[in-house]
């Protein structure tokens, strides 16, 4: 007779059902298919701690990035003003030299 025939299942009683479900439960817990509540809470708490640590690290990195952006902005302004001063100085020196050459040539 096939396994799914009613005659085979007619001999199956509540004790057999409990044993099969108990065995399934033990296998499921041992393989991690089912996780009891206290283990689940510990696992979720550890994941929460990891996420909090990553959020703190990200906030720290964002603060460093803000400070670095401000520093870069200050350096760019300093270089721009230095270039302007050097260019103005160069033009003044050139004008003075041209003036002296014109006076010397007359």
Protein backbone atom coordinates (compact mmCIF):
# COMPACT_ATOMS: atom_id res chain seq x y z
CA UNK A 1 0.00 0.00 0.00
CA UNK A 2 1.22 3.55 -0.68
CA UNK A 3 2.29 5.66 2.25
CA UNK A 4 -0.53 8.16 1.72
CA UNK A 5 -3.31 5.61 1.89
CA UNK A 6 -5.93 6.09 4.62
CA UNK A 7 -5.26 2.60 5.96
CA UNK A 8 -1.65 3.54 6.82
CA UNK A 9 -2.67 6.80 8.46
CA UNK A 10 -5.48 5.09 10.37
CA UNK A 11 -2.90 3.45 12.65
CA UNK A 12 -1.35 6.83 13.39
CA UNK A 13 -2.50 8.28 16.74
CA UNK A 14 -1.91 11.40 18.80
CA UNK A 15 1.29 10.02 20.31
CA UNK A 16 2.77 9.66 16.83
CA UNK A 17 1.77 13.22 15.96
CA UNK A 18 3.39 14.53 19.14
CA UNK A 19 6.58 12.57 18.48
CA UNK A 20 6.80 13.80 14.87
CA UNK A 21 6.16 17.42 15.84
CA UNK A 22 8.60 17.14 18.74
CA UNK A 23 11.28 15.74 16.45
CA UNK A 24 10.61 18.48 13.91
CA UNK A 25 10.82 21.10 16.66
CA UNK A 26 14.16 19.75 17.93
CA UNK A 27 15.61 19.66 14.41
CA UNK A 28 14.31 23.17 13.70
CA UNK A 29 15.82 24.59 16.88
CA UNK A 30 19.14 22.81 16.43
CA UNK A 31 19.48 24.03 12.83
CA UNK A 32 18.36 27.56 13.64
CA UNK A 33 15.07 27.46 11.72
CA UNK A 34 13.28 28.36 14.94
CA UNK A 35 14.84 30.62 17.52
CA UNK A 36 13.56 30.72 21.09
CA UNK A 37 12.59 34.16 22.39
CA UNK A 38 15.50 34.80 24.76
CA UNK A 39 18.10 33.94 22.09
CA UNK A 40 16.22 36.08 19.59
CA UNK A 41 16.23 39.04 21.99
CA UNK A 42 19.98 38.65 22.56
CA UNK A 43 20.60 38.47 18.81
CA UNK A 44 18.49 41.55 18.11
CA UNK A 45 20.19 43.43 20.95
CA UNK A 46 23.63 42.60 19.53
CA UNK A 47 22.54 43.81 16.09
CA UNK A 48 21.21 47.02 17.68
CA UNK A 49 24.57 47.56 19.40
CA UNK A 50 26.37 47.07 16.08
CA UNK A 51 24.07 49.57 14.37
CA UNK A 52 24.57 52.11 17.16
CA UNK A 53 28.34 51.75 16.86
CA UNK A 54 28.16 52.25 13.09
CA UNK A 55 25.94 55.32 13.54
CA UNK A 56 28.42 56.82 16.02
CA UNK A 57 31.27 56.11 13.60
CA UNK A 58 29.33 57.74 10.75
CA UNK A 59 28.55 60.81 12.86
CA UNK A 60 32.24 61.11 13.76
CA UNK A 61 33.21 60.81 10.09
CA UNK A 62 30.67 63.50 9.16
CA UNK A 63 32.12 65.84 11.81
CA UNK A 64 35.62 65.24 10.47
CA UNK A 65 34.39 65.90 6.94
CA UNK A 66 32.85 69.22 8.04
CA UNK A 67 36.11 70.30 9.68
CA UNK A 68 38.09 69.24 6.62
CA UNK A 69 35.72 71.14 4.31
CA UNK A 70 36.15 74.28 6.41
CA UNK A 71 39.93 73.87 6.35
CA UNK A 72 39.93 73.41 2.58
CA UNK A 73 37.78 76.52 2.17
CA UNK A 74 40.19 78.58 4.30
CA UNK A 75 43.17 77.28 2.32
CA UNK A 76 41.47 78.09 -0.99
CA UNK A 77 40.71 81.64 0.15
CA UNK A 78 44.29 82.08 1.37
CA UNK A 79 45.72 80.83 -1.92
CA UNK A 80 43.35 83.04 -3.92
CA UNK A 81 44.30 86.14 -1.93
CA UNK A 82 47.98 85.21 -2.16
CA UNK A 83 47.68 84.88 -5.94
CA UNK A 84 45.93 88.26 -6.11
CA UNK A 85 48.61 89.93 -3.97
CA UNK A 86 51.38 88.36 -6.02
CA UNK A 87 49.75 89.45 -9.27
CA UNK A 88 49.24 93.00 -8.00
CA UNK A 89 52.83 93.13 -6.77
CA UNK A 90 54.07 91.85 -10.12
CA UNK A 91 52.05 94.49 -12.00
CA UNK A 92 53.32 97.28 -9.71
CA UNK A 93 56.91 96.15 -10.13
CA UNK A 94 56.46 95.94 -13.91
CA UNK A 95 54.93 99.44 -13.98
CA UNK A 96 57.78 100.82 -11.87
CA UNK A 97 60.35 99.17 -14.10
CA UNK A 98 58.64 100.45 -17.26
CA UNK A 99 58.50 103.95 -15.72
CA UNK A 100 62.18 103.86 -14.87
CA UNK A 101 63.06 102.61 -18.35
CA UNK A 102 61.03 105.45 -19.92
CA UNK A 103 62.76 108.02 -17.71
CA UNK A 104 66.14 106.52 -18.44
CA UNK A 105 65.36 106.50 -22.18
CA UNK A 106 64.45 110.19 -22.30
